[in-house]
Amino acid sequence: MEDNDLKQENDMENTFKVINDRGEEIMCDILFTFDSEETKKSYIVYTDNSKDENGNIQVYASIYDPNQEDQKLEPITTEQEWKVIETILNTLQEEIKKKIDTANDEEGNNEQ
């Protein structure tokens, strides 16, 4: 029972609500946060688990202040900032693909 309570608490820390342009509350999952030495800002990367026209889960990024209690997400407005985020997302995607490929290779070797 204690494990379930802990998991539930962790889930709550990894989610937040935003209000869209239509005034609707949407629950979002935090994928990760990071600080950039290059821009001297903190970023949050998150998803509302909606899918684009190709069936890919949509991912968003914003600037935030981790020390502020009442959070306001700020839009990313410079090409430099988008390049920093894009580089991190591409690196993560490559690492995940390598792990999947390694797992598939190991699985194939076990079947022989």
PDB file of N, CA and C in Angstrom:
ATOM      1  N   MET A   1       0.823  -1.200   0.000  1.00  0.00           N
ATOM      2  CA  MET A   1       0.000   0.000   0.000  1.00  0.00           C
ATOM      3  C   MET A   1       0.863   1.258   0.000  1.00  0.00           C
ATOM      4  N   GLU A   2       1.948   1.249   0.786  1.00  0.00           N
ATOM      5  CA  GLU A   2       2.806   2.426   0.814  1.00  0.00           C
ATOM      6  C   GLU A   2       3.422   2.701  -0.549  1.00  0.00           C
ATOM      7  N   ASP A   3       3.758   1.637  -1.303  1.00  0.00           N
ATOM      8  CA  ASP A   3       4.327   1.820  -2.629  1.00  0.00           C
ATOM      9  C   ASP A   3       3.346   2.540  -3.549  1.00  0.00           C
ATOM     10  N   ASN A   4       2.048   2.167  -3.485  1.00  0.00           N
ATOM     11  CA  ASN A   4       1.053   2.826  -4.322  1.00  0.00           C
ATOM     12  C   ASN A   4       0.943   4.306  -3.971  1.00  0.00           C
ATOM     13  N   ASP A   5       0.981   4.621  -2.690  1.00  0.00           N
ATOM     14  CA  ASP A   5       0.904   6.022  -2.286  1.00  0.00           C
ATOM     15  C   ASP A   5       2.094   6.803  -2.823  1.00  0.00           C
ATOM     16  N   LEU A   6       3.270   6.212  -2.764  1.00  0.00           N
ATOM     17  CA  LEU A   6       4.478   6.880  -3.247  1.00  0.00           C
ATOM     18  C   LEU A   6       4.392   7.095  -4.745  1.00  0.00           C
ATOM     19  N   LYS A   7       3.938   6.092  -5.489  1.00  0.00           N
ATOM     20  CA  LYS A   7       3.813   6.201  -6.935  1.00  0.00           C
ATOM     21  C   LYS A   7       2.827   7.302  -7.300  1.00  0.00           C
ATOM     22  N   GLN A   8       1.727   7.321  -6.596  1.00  0.00           N
ATOM     23  CA  GLN A   8       0.718   8.333  -6.869  1.00  0.00           C
ATOM     24  C   GLN A   8       1.294   9.732  -6.631  1.00  0.00           C
ATOM     25  N   GLU A   9       2.067   9.888  -5.577  1.00  0.00           N
ATOM     26  CA  GLU A   9       2.668  11.188  -5.290  1.00  0.00           C
ATOM     27  C   GLU A   9       3.638  11.573  -6.409  1.00  0.00           C
ATOM     28  N   ASN A  10       4.445  10.603  -6.863  1.00  0.00           N
ATOM     29  CA  ASN A  10       5.386  10.891  -7.949  1.00  0.00           C
ATOM     30  C   ASN A  10       4.653  11.252  -9.228  1.00  0.00           C
ATOM     31  N   ASP A  11       3.550  10.549  -9.519  1.00  0.00           N
ATOM     32  CA  ASP A  11       2.776  10.874 -10.715  1.00  0.00           C
ATOM     33  C   ASP A  11       2.270  12.306 -10.648  1.00  0.00           C
ATOM     34  N   MET A  12       1.814  12.716  -9.473  1.00  0.00           N
ATOM     35  CA  MET A  12       1.274  14.060  -9.330  1.00  0.00           C
ATOM     36  C   MET A  12       2.364  15.112  -9.522  1.00  0.00           C
ATOM     37  N   GLU A  13       3.587  14.801  -9.129  1.00  0.00           N
ATOM     38  CA  GLU A  13       4.674  15.758  -9.290  1.00  0.00           C
ATOM     39  C   GLU A  13       5.086  15.880 -10.752  1.00  0.00           C
ATOM     40  N   ASN A  14       4.749  14.904 -11.574  1.00  0.00           N
ATOM     41  CA  ASN A  14       5.148  14.907 -12.969  1.00  0.00           C
ATOM     42  C   ASN A  14       4.031  15.352 -13.903  1.00  0.00           C
ATOM     43  N   THR A  15       2.993  15.938 -13.333  1.00  0.00           N
ATOM     44  CA  THR A  15       1.889  16.440 -14.147  1.00  0.00           C
ATOM     45  C   THR A  15       1.544  17.866 -13.716  1.00  0.00           C
ATOM     46  N   PHE A  16       0.896  18.570 -14.617  1.00  0.00           N
ATOM     47  CA  PHE A  16       0.388  19.897 -14.289  1.00  0.00           C
ATOM     48  C   PHE A  16      -0.750  20.219 -15.241  1.00  0.00           C
ATOM     49  N   LYS A  17      -1.518  21.219 -14.904  1.00  0.00           N
ATOM     50  CA  LYS A  17      -2.640  21.624 -15.748  1.00  0.00           C
ATOM     51  C   LYS A  17      -2.320  22.947 -16.426  1.00  0.00           C
ATOM     52  N   VAL A  18      -2.765  23.065 -17.665  1.00  0.00           N
ATOM     53  CA  VAL A  18      -2.682  24.331 -18.385  1.00  0.00           C
ATOM     54  C   VAL A  18      -4.088  24.671 -18.876  1.00  0.00           C
ATOM     55  N   ILE A  19      -4.291  25.940 -19.148  1.00  0.00           N
ATOM     56  CA  ILE A  19      -5.571  26.388 -19.694  1.00  0.00           C
ATOM     57  C   ILE A  19      -5.299  26.781 -21.152  1.00  0.00           C
ATOM     58  N   ASN A  20      -6.016  26.151 -22.071  1.00  0.00           N
ATOM     59  CA  ASN A  20      -5.796  26.464 -23.481  1.00  0.00           C
ATOM     60  C   ASN A  20      -6.531  27.733 -23.883  1.00  0.00           C
ATOM     61  N   ASP A  21      -6.418  28.096 -25.161  1.00  0.00           N
ATOM     62  CA  ASP A  21      -7.026  29.351 -25.640  1.00  0.00           C
ATOM     63  C   ASP A  21      -8.553  29.331 -25.576  1.00  0.00           C
ATOM     64  N   ARG A  22      -9.138  28.139 -25.443  1.00  0.00           N
ATOM     65  CA  ARG A  22     -10.598  28.040 -25.326  1.00  0.00           C
ATOM     66  C   ARG A  22     -11.049  28.012 -23.868  1.00  0.00           C
ATOM     67  N   GLY A  23     -10.099  28.183 -22.932  1.00  0.00           N
ATOM     68  CA  GLY A  23     -10.440  28.197 -21.515  1.00  0.00           C
ATOM     69  C   GLY A  23     -10.581  26.819 -20.892  1.00  0.00           C
ATOM     70  N   GLU A  24     -10.174  25.771 -21.621  1.00  0.00           N
ATOM     71  CA  GLU A  24     -10.287  24.408 -21.116  1.00  0.00           C
ATOM     72  C   GLU A  24      -9.030  24.028 -20.341  1.00  0.00           C
ATOM     73  N   GLU A  25      -9.228  23.308 -19.227  1.00  0.00           N
ATOM     74  CA  GLU A  25      -8.098  22.796 -18.445  1.00  0.00           C
ATOM     75  C   GLU A  25      -7.601  21.519 -19.091  1.00  0.00           C
ATOM     76  N   ILE A  26      -6.278  21.438 -19.315  1.00  0.00           N
ATOM     77  CA  ILE A  26      -5.694  20.253 -19.926  1.00  0.00           C
ATOM     78  C   ILE A  26      -4.577  19.739 -19.026  1.00  0.00           C
ATOM     79  N   MET A  27      -4.612  18.432 -18.744  1.00  0.00           N
ATOM     80  CA  MET A  27      -3.568  17.809 -17.928  1.00  0.00           C
ATOM     81  C   MET A  27      -2.379  17.487 -18.830  1.00  0.00           C
ATOM     82  N   CYS A  28      -1.189  17.869 -18.379  1.00  0.00           N
ATOM     83  CA  CYS A  28       0.036  17.622 -19.137  1.00  0.00           C
ATOM     84  C   CYS A  28       1.014  16.800 -18.304  1.00  0.00           C
ATOM     85  N   ASP A  29       1.801  15.983 -18.985  1.00  0.00           N
ATOM     86  CA  ASP A  29       2.851  15.197 -18.352  1.00  0.00           C
ATOM     87  C   ASP A  29       4.195  15.866 -18.623  1.00  0.00           C
ATOM     88  N   ILE A  30       4.982  16.036 -17.577  1.00  0.00           N
ATOM     89  CA  ILE A  30       6.323  16.594 -17.721  1.00  0.00           C
ATOM     90  C   ILE A  30       7.242  15.480 -18.215  1.00  0.00           C
ATOM     91  N   LEU A  31       7.884  15.702 -19.350  1.00  0.00           N
ATOM     92  CA  LEU A  31       8.830  14.724 -19.869  1.00  0.00           C
ATOM     93  C   LEU A  31      10.197  14.919 -19.225  1.00  0.00           C
ATOM     94  N   PHE A  32      10.667  16.168 -19.186  1.00  0.00           N
ATOM     95  CA  PHE A  32      11.895  16.496 -18.477  1.00  0.00           C
ATOM     96  C   PHE A  32      12.056  18.000 -18.394  1.00  0.00           C
ATOM     97  N   THR A  33      12.926  18.415 -17.513  1.00  0.00           N
ATOM     98  CA  THR A  33      13.294  19.823 -17.382  1.00  0.00           C
ATOM     99  C   THR A  33      14.806  19.902 -17.471  1.00  0.00           C
ATOM    100  N   PHE A  34      15.309  21.055 -17.871  1.00  0.00           N
ATOM    101  CA  PHE A  34      16.755  21.239 -17.912  1.00  0.00           C
ATOM    102  C   PHE A  34      17.098  22.715 -17.879  1.00  0.00           C
ATOM    103  N   ASP A  35      18.317  22.989 -17.468  1.00  0.00           N
ATOM    104  CA  ASP A  35      18.861  24.333 -17.454  1.00  0.00           C
ATOM    105  C   ASP A  35      19.896  24.427 -18.566  1.00  0.00           C
ATOM    106  N   SER A  36      19.892  25.524 -19.282  1.00  0.00           N
ATOM    107  CA  SER A  36      20.858  25.722 -20.356  1.00  0.00           C
ATOM    108  C   SER A  36      21.905  26.735 -19.912  1.00  0.00           C
ATOM    109  N   GLU A  37      23.148  26.317 -19.939  1.00  0.00           N
ATOM    110  CA  GLU A  37      24.234  27.253 -19.639  1.00  0.00           C
ATOM    111  C   GLU A  37      24.353  28.283 -20.757  1.00  0.00           C
ATOM    112  N   GLU A  38      24.015  27.853 -21.969  1.00  0.00           N
ATOM    113  CA  GLU A  38      24.125  28.725 -23.137  1.00  0.00           C
ATOM    114  C   GLU A  38      23.166  29.910 -23.056  1.00  0.00           C
ATOM    115  N   THR A  39      21.907  29.646 -22.663  1.00  0.00           N
ATOM    116  CA  THR A  39      20.906  30.715 -22.616  1.00  0.00           C
ATOM    117  C   THR A  39      20.668  31.248 -21.208  1.00  0.00           C
ATOM    118  N   LYS A  40      21.172  30.530 -20.196  1.00  0.00           N
ATOM    119  CA  LYS A  40      20.990  30.903 -18.775  1.00  0.00           C
ATOM    120  C   LYS A  40      19.509  30.874 -18.369  1.00  0.00           C
ATOM    121  N   LYS A  41      18.761  29.942 -18.965  1.00  0.00           N
ATOM    122  CA  LYS A  41      17.334  29.803 -18.642  1.00  0.00           C
ATOM    123  C   LYS A  41      17.015  28.352 -18.320  1.00  0.00           C
ATOM    124  N   SER A  42      15.858  28.145 -17.682  1.00  0.00           N
ATOM    125  CA  SER A  42      15.352  26.806 -17.387  1.00  0.00           C
ATOM    126  C   SER A  42      14.201  26.505 -18.335  1.00  0.00           C
ATOM    127  N   TYR A  43      14.150  25.247 -18.789  1.00  0.00           N
ATOM    128  CA  TYR A  43      13.134  24.835 -19.745  1.00  0.00           C
ATOM    129  C   TYR A  43      12.383  23.623 -19.231  1.00  0.00           C
ATOM    130  N   ILE A  44      11.138  23.520 -19.658  1.00  0.00           N
ATOM    131  CA  ILE A  44      10.314  22.359 -19.349  1.00  0.00           C
ATOM    132  C   ILE A  44       9.816  21.803 -20.684  1.00  0.00           C
ATOM    133  N   VAL A  45       9.926  20.484 -20.846  1.00  0.00           N
ATOM    134  CA  VAL A  45       9.434  19.811 -22.045  1.00  0.00           C
ATOM    135  C   VAL A  45       8.303  18.898 -21.579  1.00  0.00           C
ATOM    136  N   TYR A  46       7.142  19.012 -22.225  1.00  0.00           N
ATOM    137  CA  TYR A  46       5.959  18.323 -21.738  1.00  0.00           C
ATOM    138  C   TYR A  46       5.046  17.920 -22.891  1.00  0.00           C
ATOM    139  N   THR A  47       4.053  17.107 -22.575  1.00  0.00           N
ATOM    140  CA  THR A  47       3.068  16.687 -23.568  1.00  0.00           C
ATOM    141  C   THR A  47       1.685  16.665 -22.938  1.00  0.00           C
ATOM    142  N   ASP A  48       0.695  16.899 -23.782  1.00  0.00           N
ATOM    143  CA  ASP A  48      -0.700  16.719 -23.345  1.00  0.00           C
ATOM    144  C   ASP A  48      -1.235  15.382 -23.873  1.00  0.00           C
ATOM    145  N   ASN A  49      -0.326  14.579 -24.441  1.00  0.00           N
ATOM    146  CA  ASN A  49      -0.612  13.257 -24.993  1.00  0.00           C
ATOM    147  C   ASN A  49      -1.560  13.282 -26.186  1.00  0.00           C
ATOM    148  N   SER A  50      -1.739  14.448 -26.796  1.00  0.00           N
ATOM    149  CA  SER A  50      -2.518  14.500 -28.029  1.00  0.00           C
ATOM    150  C   SER A  50      -1.601  14.092 -29.184  1.00  0.00           C
ATOM    151  N   LYS A  51      -2.200  13.734 -30.300  1.00  0.00           N
ATOM    152  CA  LYS A  51      -1.407  13.281 -31.448  1.00  0.00           C
ATOM    153  C   LYS A  51      -1.585  14.236 -32.618  1.00  0.00           C
ATOM    154  N   ASP A  52      -0.514  14.366 -33.403  1.00  0.00           N
ATOM    155  CA  ASP A  52      -0.590  15.187 -34.602  1.00  0.00           C
ATOM    156  C   ASP A  52      -1.214  14.373 -35.743  1.00  0.00           C
ATOM    157  N   GLU A  53      -1.280  14.968 -36.927  1.00  0.00           N
ATOM    158  CA  GLU A  53      -1.935  14.297 -38.064  1.00  0.00           C
ATOM    159  C   GLU A  53      -1.213  13.022 -38.504  1.00  0.00           C
ATOM    160  N   ASN A  54       0.054  12.848 -38.100  1.00  0.00           N
ATOM    161  CA  ASN A  54       0.811  11.636 -38.441  1.00  0.00           C
ATOM    162  C   ASN A  54       0.754  10.581 -37.343  1.00  0.00           C
ATOM    163  N   GLY A  55       0.022  10.873 -36.257  1.00  0.00           N
ATOM    164  CA  GLY A  55      -0.102   9.911 -35.162  1.00  0.00           C
ATOM    165  C   GLY A  55       1.012  10.012 -34.132  1.00  0.00           C
ATOM    166  N   ASN A  56       1.873  11.025 -34.237  1.00  0.00           N
ATOM    167  CA  ASN A  56       2.948  11.225 -33.261  1.00  0.00           C
ATOM    168  C   ASN A  56       2.437  12.032 -32.073  1.00  0.00           C
ATOM    169  N   ILE A  57       2.887  11.658 -30.884  1.00  0.00           N
ATOM    170  CA  ILE A  57       2.497  12.417 -29.692  1.00  0.00           C
ATOM    171  C   ILE A  57       3.143  13.793 -29.757  1.00  0.00           C
ATOM    172  N   GLN A  58       2.340  14.806 -29.501  1.00  0.00           N
ATOM    173  CA  GLN A  58       2.836  16.176 -29.572  1.00  0.00           C
ATOM    174  C   GLN A  58       3.616  16.520 -28.302  1.00  0.00           C
ATOM    175  N   VAL A  59       4.756  17.181 -28.500  1.00  0.00           N
ATOM    176  CA  VAL A  59       5.631  17.583 -27.407  1.00  0.00           C
ATOM    177  C   VAL A  59       5.788  19.099 -27.478  1.00  0.00           C
ATOM    178  N   TYR A  60       5.778  19.725 -26.311  1.00  0.00           N
ATOM    179  CA  TYR A  60       5.887  21.179 -26.222  1.00  0.00           C
ATOM    180  C   TYR A  60       7.053  21.543 -25.307  1.00  0.00           C
ATOM    181  N   ALA A  61       7.556  22.748 -25.456  1.00  0.00           N
ATOM    182  CA  ALA A  61       8.619  23.244 -24.585  1.00  0.00           C
ATOM    183  C   ALA A  61       8.332  24.698 -24.244  1.00  0.00           C
ATOM    184  N   SER A  62       8.689  25.072 -23.023  1.00  0.00           N
ATOM    185  CA  SER A  62       8.507  26.443 -22.558  1.00  0.00           C
ATOM    186  C   SER A  62       9.632  26.803 -21.607  1.00  0.00           C
ATOM    187  N   ILE A  63       9.767  28.084 -21.377  1.00  0.00           N
ATOM    188  CA  ILE A  63      10.698  28.590 -20.373  1.00  0.00           C
ATOM    189  C   ILE A  63       9.925  28.641 -19.055  1.00  0.00           C
ATOM    190  N   TYR A  64      10.594  28.290 -17.957  1.00  0.00           N
ATOM    191  CA  TYR A  64       9.952  28.400 -16.655  1.00  0.00           C
ATOM    192  C   TYR A  64      10.998  28.760 -15.607  1.00  0.00           C
ATOM    193  N   ASP A  65      10.526  29.214 -14.449  1.00  0.00           N
ATOM    194  CA  ASP A  65      11.411  29.552 -13.335  1.00  0.00           C
ATOM    195  C   ASP A  65      11.193  28.514 -12.240  1.00  0.00           C
ATOM    196  N   PRO A  66      12.159  27.583 -12.047  1.00  0.00           N
ATOM    197  CA  PRO A  66      11.966  26.513 -11.064  1.00  0.00           C
ATOM    198  C   PRO A  66      11.842  27.015  -9.625  1.00  0.00           C
ATOM    199  N   ASN A  67      12.229  28.252  -9.364  1.00  0.00           N
ATOM    200  CA  ASN A  67      12.169  28.801  -8.007  1.00  0.00           C
ATOM    201  C   ASN A  67      10.871  29.545  -7.729  1.00  0.00           C
ATOM    202  N   GLN A  68      10.027  29.664  -8.717  1.00  0.00           N
ATOM    203  CA  GLN A  68       8.775  30.398  -8.563  1.00  0.00           C
ATOM    204  C   GLN A  68       7.662  29.430  -8.164  1.00  0.00           C
ATOM    205  N   GLU A  69       6.919  29.768  -7.115  1.00  0.00           N
ATOM    206  CA  GLU A  69       5.859  28.881  -6.645  1.00  0.00           C
ATOM    207  C   GLU A  69       4.679  28.872  -7.607  1.00  0.00           C
ATOM    208  N   ASP A  70       4.225  30.032  -8.039  1.00  0.00           N
ATOM    209  CA  ASP A  70       3.101  30.134  -8.963  1.00  0.00           C
ATOM    210  C   ASP A  70       3.672  30.207 -10.385  1.00  0.00           C
ATOM    211  N   GLN A  71       3.774  29.033 -11.021  1.00  0.00           N
ATOM    212  CA  GLN A  71       4.454  28.940 -12.305  1.00  0.00           C
ATOM    213  C   GLN A  71       3.685  29.582 -13.450  1.00  0.00           C
ATOM    214  N   LYS A  72       4.437  30.257 -14.287  1.00  0.00           N
ATOM    215  CA  LYS A  72       3.914  30.760 -15.552  1.00  0.00           C
ATOM    216  C   LYS A  72       4.875  30.276 -16.618  1.00  0.00           C
ATOM    217  N   LEU A  73       4.347  29.580 -17.615  1.00  0.00           N
ATOM    218  CA  LEU A  73       5.186  29.120 -18.712  1.00  0.00           C
ATOM    219  C   LEU A  73       5.333  30.245 -19.719  1.00  0.00           C
ATOM    220  N   GLU A  74       6.568  30.502 -20.092  1.00  0.00           N
ATOM    221  CA  GLU A  74       6.854  31.564 -21.047  1.00  0.00           C
ATOM    222  C   GLU A  74       7.189  30.944 -22.399  1.00  0.00           C
ATOM    223  N   PRO A  75       6.761  31.566 -23.479  1.00  0.00           N
ATOM    224  CA  PRO A  75       7.052  31.004 -24.802  1.00  0.00           C
ATOM    225  C   PRO A  75       8.539  31.119 -25.160  1.00  0.00           C
ATOM    226  N   ILE A  76       8.987  30.181 -25.954  1.00  0.00           N
ATOM    227  CA  ILE A  76      10.353  30.224 -26.470  1.00  0.00           C
ATOM    228  C   ILE A  76      10.287  31.028 -27.757  1.00  0.00           C
ATOM    229  N   THR A  77      11.086  32.073 -27.823  1.00  0.00           N
ATOM    230  CA  THR A  77      10.942  33.007 -28.937  1.00  0.00           C
ATOM    231  C   THR A  77      12.163  33.106 -29.849  1.00  0.00           C
ATOM    232  N   THR A  78      13.302  32.574 -29.423  1.00  0.00           N
ATOM    233  CA  THR A  78      14.489  32.738 -30.268  1.00  0.00           C
ATOM    234  C   THR A  78      14.874  31.433 -30.952  1.00  0.00           C
ATOM    235  N   GLU A  79      15.462  31.561 -32.117  1.00  0.00           N
ATOM    236  CA  GLU A  79      15.946  30.401 -32.876  1.00  0.00           C
ATOM    237  C   GLU A  79      17.025  29.667 -32.087  1.00  0.00           C
ATOM    238  N   GLN A  80      17.864  30.418 -31.358  1.00  0.00           N
ATOM    239  CA  GLN A  80      18.931  29.814 -30.546  1.00  0.00           C
ATOM    240  C   GLN A  80      18.345  28.860 -29.508  1.00  0.00           C
ATOM    241  N   GLU A  81      17.289  29.295 -28.822  1.00  0.00           N
ATOM    242  CA  GLU A  81      16.661  28.453 -27.805  1.00  0.00           C
ATOM    243  C   GLU A  81      16.048  27.196 -28.428  1.00  0.00           C
ATOM    244  N   TRP A  82      15.379  27.357 -29.569  1.00  0.00           N
ATOM    245  CA  TRP A  82      14.788  26.189 -30.229  1.00  0.00           C
ATOM    246  C   TRP A  82      15.866  25.197 -30.649  1.00  0.00           C
ATOM    247  N   LYS A  83      17.021  25.703 -31.077  1.00  0.00           N
ATOM    248  CA  LYS A  83      18.114  24.803 -31.477  1.00  0.00           C
ATOM    249  C   LYS A  83      18.644  24.017 -30.283  1.00  0.00           C
ATOM    250  N   VAL A  84      18.735  24.664 -29.115  1.00  0.00           N
ATOM    251  CA  VAL A  84      19.182  23.984 -27.897  1.00  0.00           C
ATOM    252  C   VAL A  84      18.211  22.843 -27.567  1.00  0.00           C
ATOM    253  N   ILE A  85      16.929  23.127 -27.597  1.00  0.00           N
ATOM    254  CA  ILE A  85      15.912  22.125 -27.270  1.00  0.00           C
ATOM    255  C   ILE A  85      15.898  21.016 -28.319  1.00  0.00           C
ATOM    256  N   GLU A  86      15.974  21.388 -29.574  1.00  0.00           N
ATOM    257  CA  GLU A  86      15.976  20.397 -30.652  1.00  0.00           C
ATOM    258  C   GLU A  86      17.172  19.452 -30.527  1.00  0.00           C
ATOM    259  N   THR A  87      18.329  19.984 -30.179  1.00  0.00           N
ATOM    260  CA  THR A  87      19.525  19.158 -30.006  1.00  0.00           C
ATOM    261  C   THR A  87      19.313  18.147 -28.886  1.00  0.00           C
ATOM    262  N   ILE A  88      18.756  18.588 -27.774  1.00  0.00           N
ATOM    263  CA  ILE A  88      18.512  17.687 -26.644  1.00  0.00           C
ATOM    264  C   ILE A  88      17.488  16.617 -27.026  1.00  0.00           C
ATOM    265  N   LEU A  89      16.410  17.002 -27.688  1.00  0.00           N
ATOM    266  CA  LEU A  89      15.398  16.026 -28.095  1.00  0.00           C
ATOM    267  C   LEU A  89      15.975  15.006 -29.075  1.00  0.00           C
ATOM    268  N   ASN A  90      16.779  15.458 -30.030  1.00  0.00           N
ATOM    269  CA  ASN A  90      17.393  14.542 -30.996  1.00  0.00           C
ATOM    270  C   ASN A  90      18.342  13.576 -30.301  1.00  0.00           C
ATOM    271  N   THR A  91      19.116  14.069 -29.336  1.00  0.00           N
ATOM    272  CA  THR A  91      20.037  13.215 -28.592  1.00  0.00           C
ATOM    273  C   THR A  91      19.267  12.154 -27.815  1.00  0.00           C
ATOM    274  N   LEU A  92      18.196  12.558 -27.135  1.00  0.00           N
ATOM    275  CA  LEU A  92      17.375  11.606 -26.383  1.00  0.00           C
ATOM    276  C   LEU A  92      16.753  10.568 -27.313  1.00  0.00           C
ATOM    277  N   GLN A  93      16.268  11.015 -28.459  1.00  0.00           N
ATOM    278  CA  GLN A  93      15.651  10.100 -29.411  1.00  0.00           C
ATOM    279  C   GLN A  93      16.667   9.070 -29.909  1.00  0.00           C
ATOM    280  N   GLU A  94      17.897   9.505 -30.180  1.00  0.00           N
ATOM    281  CA  GLU A  94      18.949   8.588 -30.621  1.00  0.00           C
ATOM    282  C   GLU A  94      19.285   7.574 -29.530  1.00  0.00           C
ATOM    283  N   GLU A  95      19.359   8.037 -28.277  1.00  0.00           N
ATOM    284  CA  GLU A  95      19.665   7.130 -27.166  1.00  0.00           C
ATOM    285  C   GLU A  95      18.570   6.079 -26.998  1.00  0.00           C
ATOM    286  N   ILE A  96      17.327   6.487 -27.110  1.00  0.00           N
ATOM    287  CA  ILE A  96      16.208   5.550 -26.986  1.00  0.00           C
ATOM    288  C   ILE A  96      16.247   4.543 -28.129  1.00  0.00           C
ATOM    289  N   LYS A  97      16.509   5.027 -29.342  1.00  0.00           N
ATOM    290  CA  LYS A  97      16.578   4.124 -30.498  1.00  0.00           C
ATOM    291  C   LYS A  97      17.703   3.106 -30.301  1.00  0.00           C
ATOM    292  N   LYS A  98      18.862   3.538 -29.791  1.00  0.00           N
ATOM    293  CA  LYS A  98      19.974   2.613 -29.551  1.00  0.00           C
ATOM    294  C   LYS A  98      19.582   1.551 -28.528  1.00  0.00           C
ATOM    295  N   LYS A  99      18.883   1.955 -27.463  1.00  0.00           N
ATOM    296  CA  LYS A  99      18.443   0.994 -26.448  1.00  0.00           C
ATOM    297  C   LYS A  99      17.468  -0.016 -27.025  1.00  0.00           C
ATOM    298  N   ILE A 100      16.551   0.448 -27.864  1.00  0.00           N
ATOM    299  CA  ILE A 100      15.582  -0.452 -28.482  1.00  0.00           C
ATOM    300  C   ILE A 100      16.314  -1.414 -29.420  1.00  0.00           C
ATOM    301  N   ASP A 101      17.234  -0.887 -30.235  1.00  0.00           N
ATOM    302  CA  ASP A 101      17.990  -1.740 -31.158  1.00  0.00           C
ATOM    303  C   ASP A 101      18.801  -2.784 -30.392  1.00  0.00           C
ATOM    304  N   THR A 102      19.437  -2.370 -29.292  1.00  0.00           N
ATOM    305  CA  THR A 102      20.229  -3.293 -28.482  1.00  0.00           C
ATOM    306  C   THR A 102      19.327  -4.375 -27.886  1.00  0.00           C
ATOM    307  N   ALA A 103      18.172  -3.975 -27.377  1.00  0.00           N
ATOM    308  CA  ALA A 103      17.234  -4.940 -26.791  1.00  0.00           C
ATOM    309  C   ALA A 103      16.747  -5.912 -27.854  1.00  0.00           C
ATOM    310  N   ASN A 104      16.461  -5.413 -29.058  1.00  0.00           N
ATOM    311  CA  ASN A 104      16.011  -6.279 -30.148  1.00  0.00           C
ATOM    312  C   ASN A 104      17.111  -7.244 -30.573  1.00  0.00           C
ATOM    313  N   ASP A 105      18.361  -6.751 -30.632  1.00  0.00           N
ATOM    314  CA  ASP A 105      19.497  -7.617 -30.979  1.00  0.00           C
ATOM    315  C   ASP A 105      19.665  -8.721 -29.950  1.00  0.00           C
ATOM    316  N   GLU A 106      19.579  -8.369 -28.676  1.00  0.00           N
ATOM    317  CA  GLU A 106      19.715  -9.355 -27.603  1.00  0.00           C
ATOM    318  C   GLU A 106      18.585 -10.371 -27.660  1.00  0.00           C
ATOM    319  N   GLU A 107      17.384  -9.903 -27.947  1.00  0.00           N
ATOM    320  CA  GLU A 107      16.238 -10.801 -28.054  1.00  0.00           C
ATOM    321  C   GLU A 107      16.422 -11.762 -29.223  1.00  0.00           C
ATOM    322  N   GLY A 108      16.925 -11.257 -30.354  1.00  0.00           N
ATOM    323  CA  GLY A 108      17.182 -12.091 -31.524  1.00  0.00           C
ATOM    324  C   GLY A 108      18.242 -13.130 -31.237  1.00  0.00           C
ATOM    325  N   ASN A 109      19.269 -12.770 -30.479  1.00  0.00           N
ATOM    326  CA  ASN A 109      20.325 -13.715 -30.119  1.00  0.00           C
ATOM    327  C   ASN A 109      19.813 -14.798 -29.181  1.00  0.00           C
ATOM    328  N   ASN A 110      18.886 -14.445 -28.329  1.00  0.00           N
ATOM    329  CA  ASN A 110      18.335 -15.429 -27.372  1.00  0.00           C
ATOM    330  C   ASN A 110      17.433 -16.440 -28.081  1.00  0.00           C
ATOM    331  N   GLU A 111      16.849 -16.067 -29.197  1.00  0.00           N
ATOM    332  CA  GLU A 111      15.934 -16.952 -29.913  1.00  0.00           C
ATOM    333  C   GLU A 111      16.679 -17.984 -30.747  1.00  0.00           C
ATOM    334  N   GLN A 112      17.965 -17.763 -31.032  1.00  0.00           N
ATOM    335  CA  GLN A 112      18.713 -18.677 -31.894  1.00  0.00           C
ATOM    336  C   GLN A 112      19.088 -19.924 -31.214  1.00  0.00           C
TER     337      GLN A 112
END
